[in-house]
Amino acid sequence: MKSVELEGYELSPNVRKFCFVLLMAFVVVIGASIFGLNVPEKIKDIALFLALPAGLLVNVSRLSIWVKK
């Protein structure tokens, strides 16, 4: 299988900010539950399912949302 390297491209700043917000929401929800606040399971699940794709987006290198440097 051939791998494609993207040189001279970076993730769009708006996409990076959006992913960062989703990841921070996850950190806040999990942090709150660790420190004893009563966070409903549904909110934990939503935060997890939003953080997973955001983390993947930050790490992928073959999407059309990448812009030339």
N, C-alpha and C. Protein backbone atom coordinates (compact mmCIF):
# COMPACT_ATOMS: atom_id res chain seq x y z
N MET A 1 0.85 -1.18 0.00
CA MET A 1 0.00 0.00 0.00
C MET A 1 0.89 1.24 0.00
N LYS A 2 0.55 2.20 -0.82
CA LYS A 2 1.30 3.44 -0.91
C LYS A 2 0.81 4.44 0.12
N SER A 3 1.73 5.16 0.72
CA SER A 3 1.30 6.22 1.63
C SER A 3 1.59 7.56 0.99
N VAL A 4 0.72 8.51 1.24
CA VAL A 4 0.85 9.84 0.65
C VAL A 4 1.27 10.81 1.74
N GLU A 5 2.32 11.53 1.51
CA GLU A 5 2.79 12.53 2.46
C GLU A 5 2.35 13.91 1.99
N LEU A 6 1.78 14.68 2.88
CA LEU A 6 1.38 16.05 2.56
C LEU A 6 2.44 16.99 3.10
N GLU A 7 3.20 17.57 2.23
CA GLU A 7 4.21 18.53 2.66
C GLU A 7 3.75 19.92 2.28
N GLY A 8 3.93 20.86 3.16
CA GLY A 8 3.53 22.23 2.89
C GLY A 8 2.07 22.50 3.16
N TYR A 9 1.40 21.60 3.88
CA TYR A 9 0.00 21.80 4.21
C TYR A 9 -0.16 21.76 5.73
N GLU A 10 -1.17 22.43 6.21
CA GLU A 10 -1.50 22.38 7.63
C GLU A 10 -3.01 22.41 7.79
N LEU A 11 -3.47 22.01 8.96
CA LEU A 11 -4.90 21.99 9.23
C LEU A 11 -5.42 23.42 9.31
N SER A 12 -6.58 23.66 8.73
CA SER A 12 -7.18 24.98 8.73
C SER A 12 -7.30 25.51 10.17
N PRO A 13 -6.99 26.78 10.40
CA PRO A 13 -7.07 27.33 11.77
C PRO A 13 -8.46 27.22 12.38
N ASN A 14 -9.50 27.38 11.59
CA ASN A 14 -10.86 27.27 12.13
C ASN A 14 -11.16 25.84 12.58
N VAL A 15 -10.69 24.87 11.82
CA VAL A 15 -10.90 23.47 12.20
C VAL A 15 -10.12 23.14 13.45
N ARG A 16 -8.89 23.66 13.55
CA ARG A 16 -8.08 23.43 14.76
C ARG A 16 -8.76 24.01 15.98
N LYS A 17 -9.31 25.23 15.86
CA LYS A 17 -10.00 25.86 17.00
C LYS A 17 -11.22 25.05 17.41
N PHE A 18 -11.99 24.58 16.43
CA PHE A 18 -13.18 23.80 16.71
C PHE A 18 -12.82 22.50 17.43
N CYS A 19 -11.78 21.81 16.94
CA CYS A 19 -11.34 20.58 17.59
C CYS A 19 -10.85 20.85 19.01
N PHE A 20 -10.14 21.96 19.19
CA PHE A 20 -9.65 22.33 20.51
C PHE A 20 -10.81 22.56 21.48
N VAL A 21 -11.86 23.22 21.02
CA VAL A 21 -13.03 23.47 21.88
C VAL A 21 -13.68 22.15 22.28
N LEU A 22 -13.83 21.24 21.33
CA LEU A 22 -14.43 19.94 21.65
C LEU A 22 -13.58 19.15 22.64
N LEU A 23 -12.27 19.18 22.44
CA LEU A 23 -11.38 18.47 23.37
C LEU A 23 -11.40 19.10 24.75
N MET A 24 -11.46 20.42 24.83
CA MET A 24 -11.52 21.10 26.12
C MET A 24 -12.84 20.81 26.84
N ALA A 25 -13.93 20.71 26.09
CA ALA A 25 -15.21 20.36 26.71
C ALA A 25 -15.11 18.98 27.35
N PHE A 26 -14.47 18.06 26.66
CA PHE A 26 -14.27 16.72 27.21
C PHE A 26 -13.44 16.77 28.49
N VAL A 27 -12.37 17.53 28.47
CA VAL A 27 -11.49 17.65 29.64
C VAL A 27 -12.25 18.25 30.82
N VAL A 28 -13.07 19.26 30.57
CA VAL A 28 -13.83 19.90 31.65
C VAL A 28 -14.84 18.93 32.24
N VAL A 29 -15.56 18.21 31.39
CA VAL A 29 -16.58 17.27 31.88
C VAL A 29 -15.93 16.15 32.69
N ILE A 30 -14.86 15.57 32.18
CA ILE A 30 -14.20 14.48 32.90
C ILE A 30 -13.54 15.01 34.17
N GLY A 31 -12.94 16.18 34.09
CA GLY A 31 -12.33 16.79 35.29
C GLY A 31 -13.35 17.06 36.37
N ALA A 32 -14.52 17.55 35.97
CA ALA A 32 -15.58 17.82 36.94
C ALA A 32 -16.03 16.53 37.62
N SER A 33 -16.15 15.47 36.84
CA SER A 33 -16.60 14.21 37.45
C SER A 33 -15.52 13.62 38.36
N ILE A 34 -14.25 13.83 38.02
CA ILE A 34 -13.17 13.33 38.87
C ILE A 34 -13.14 14.07 40.21
N PHE A 35 -13.42 15.37 40.18
CA PHE A 35 -13.39 16.17 41.41
C PHE A 35 -14.68 16.11 42.20
N GLY A 36 -15.57 15.19 41.84
CA GLY A 36 -16.71 14.93 42.68
C GLY A 36 -18.01 15.61 42.29
N LEU A 37 -18.02 16.39 41.23
CA LEU A 37 -19.28 16.98 40.79
C LEU A 37 -20.14 15.90 40.15
N ASN A 38 -21.43 16.02 40.33
CA ASN A 38 -22.35 15.02 39.81
C ASN A 38 -22.66 15.33 38.34
N VAL A 39 -21.91 14.71 37.43
CA VAL A 39 -22.11 14.91 35.99
C VAL A 39 -22.90 13.72 35.46
N PRO A 40 -24.05 13.98 34.83
CA PRO A 40 -24.86 12.87 34.31
C PRO A 40 -24.09 12.05 33.26
N GLU A 41 -24.40 10.76 33.22
CA GLU A 41 -23.73 9.86 32.28
C GLU A 41 -23.96 10.29 30.83
N LYS A 42 -25.14 10.82 30.54
CA LYS A 42 -25.44 11.23 29.17
C LYS A 42 -24.50 12.35 28.72
N ILE A 43 -24.19 13.28 29.61
CA ILE A 43 -23.27 14.38 29.27
C ILE A 43 -21.86 13.83 29.08
N LYS A 44 -21.46 12.87 29.92
CA LYS A 44 -20.15 12.25 29.75
C LYS A 44 -20.05 11.55 28.40
N ASP A 45 -21.12 10.83 28.03
CA ASP A 45 -21.12 10.12 26.75
C ASP A 45 -21.04 11.09 25.58
N ILE A 46 -21.79 12.18 25.65
CA ILE A 46 -21.77 13.18 24.57
C ILE A 46 -20.38 13.79 24.46
N ALA A 47 -19.77 14.13 25.58
CA ALA A 47 -18.43 14.72 25.55
C ALA A 47 -17.42 13.74 24.95
N LEU A 48 -17.55 12.47 25.29
CA LEU A 48 -16.64 11.47 24.75
C LEU A 48 -16.81 11.32 23.24
N PHE A 49 -18.06 11.24 22.79
CA PHE A 49 -18.30 11.03 21.36
C PHE A 49 -18.00 12.27 20.53
N LEU A 50 -17.90 13.43 21.15
CA LEU A 50 -17.45 14.62 20.44
C LEU A 50 -15.93 14.72 20.45
N ALA A 51 -15.30 14.25 21.51
CA ALA A 51 -13.85 14.35 21.62
C ALA A 51 -13.12 13.35 20.73
N LEU A 52 -13.70 12.18 20.55
CA LEU A 52 -13.03 11.17 19.72
C LEU A 52 -12.81 11.64 18.29
N PRO A 53 -13.85 12.12 17.58
CA PRO A 53 -13.59 12.60 16.22
C PRO A 53 -12.69 13.83 16.19
N ALA A 54 -12.80 14.68 17.20
CA ALA A 54 -11.94 15.88 17.23
C ALA A 54 -10.48 15.48 17.36
N GLY A 55 -10.20 14.51 18.21
CA GLY A 55 -8.83 14.04 18.35
C GLY A 55 -8.31 13.40 17.08
N LEU A 56 -9.17 12.66 16.39
CA LEU A 56 -8.77 12.07 15.12
C LEU A 56 -8.52 13.14 14.07
N LEU A 57 -9.37 14.15 14.03
CA LEU A 57 -9.20 15.23 13.05
C LEU A 57 -7.87 15.94 13.22
N VAL A 58 -7.48 16.13 14.45
CA VAL A 58 -6.23 16.83 14.71
C VAL A 58 -5.04 15.99 14.20
N ASN A 59 -5.19 14.68 14.19
CA ASN A 59 -4.07 13.80 13.84
C ASN A 59 -4.07 13.27 12.41
N VAL A 60 -5.12 13.48 11.66
CA VAL A 60 -5.14 12.91 10.30
C VAL A 60 -4.32 13.76 9.35
N SER A 61 -3.89 13.16 8.27
CA SER A 61 -3.07 13.91 7.32
C SER A 61 -3.58 13.81 5.89
N ARG A 62 -4.75 13.23 5.69
CA ARG A 62 -5.22 13.04 4.32
C ARG A 62 -6.64 13.56 4.12
N LEU A 63 -6.97 14.72 4.66
CA LEU A 63 -8.31 15.27 4.49
C LEU A 63 -8.29 16.51 3.63
N SER A 64 -9.42 16.83 3.06
CA SER A 64 -9.50 18.01 2.19
C SER A 64 -9.61 19.31 2.98
N ILE A 65 -9.64 19.23 4.31
CA ILE A 65 -9.74 20.46 5.11
C ILE A 65 -8.37 21.06 5.36
N TRP A 66 -7.33 20.45 4.80
CA TRP A 66 -5.98 20.98 4.97
C TRP A 66 -5.76 22.11 3.99
N VAL A 67 -5.06 23.13 4.40
CA VAL A 67 -4.80 24.29 3.55
C VAL A 67 -3.30 24.46 3.36
N LYS A 68 -2.94 25.06 2.24
CA LYS A 68 -1.52 25.26 1.93
C LYS A 68 -0.93 26.31 2.86
N LYS A 69 0.28 26.08 3.35
CA LYS A 69 0.96 27.01 4.26
C LYS A 69 1.29 28.31 3.56
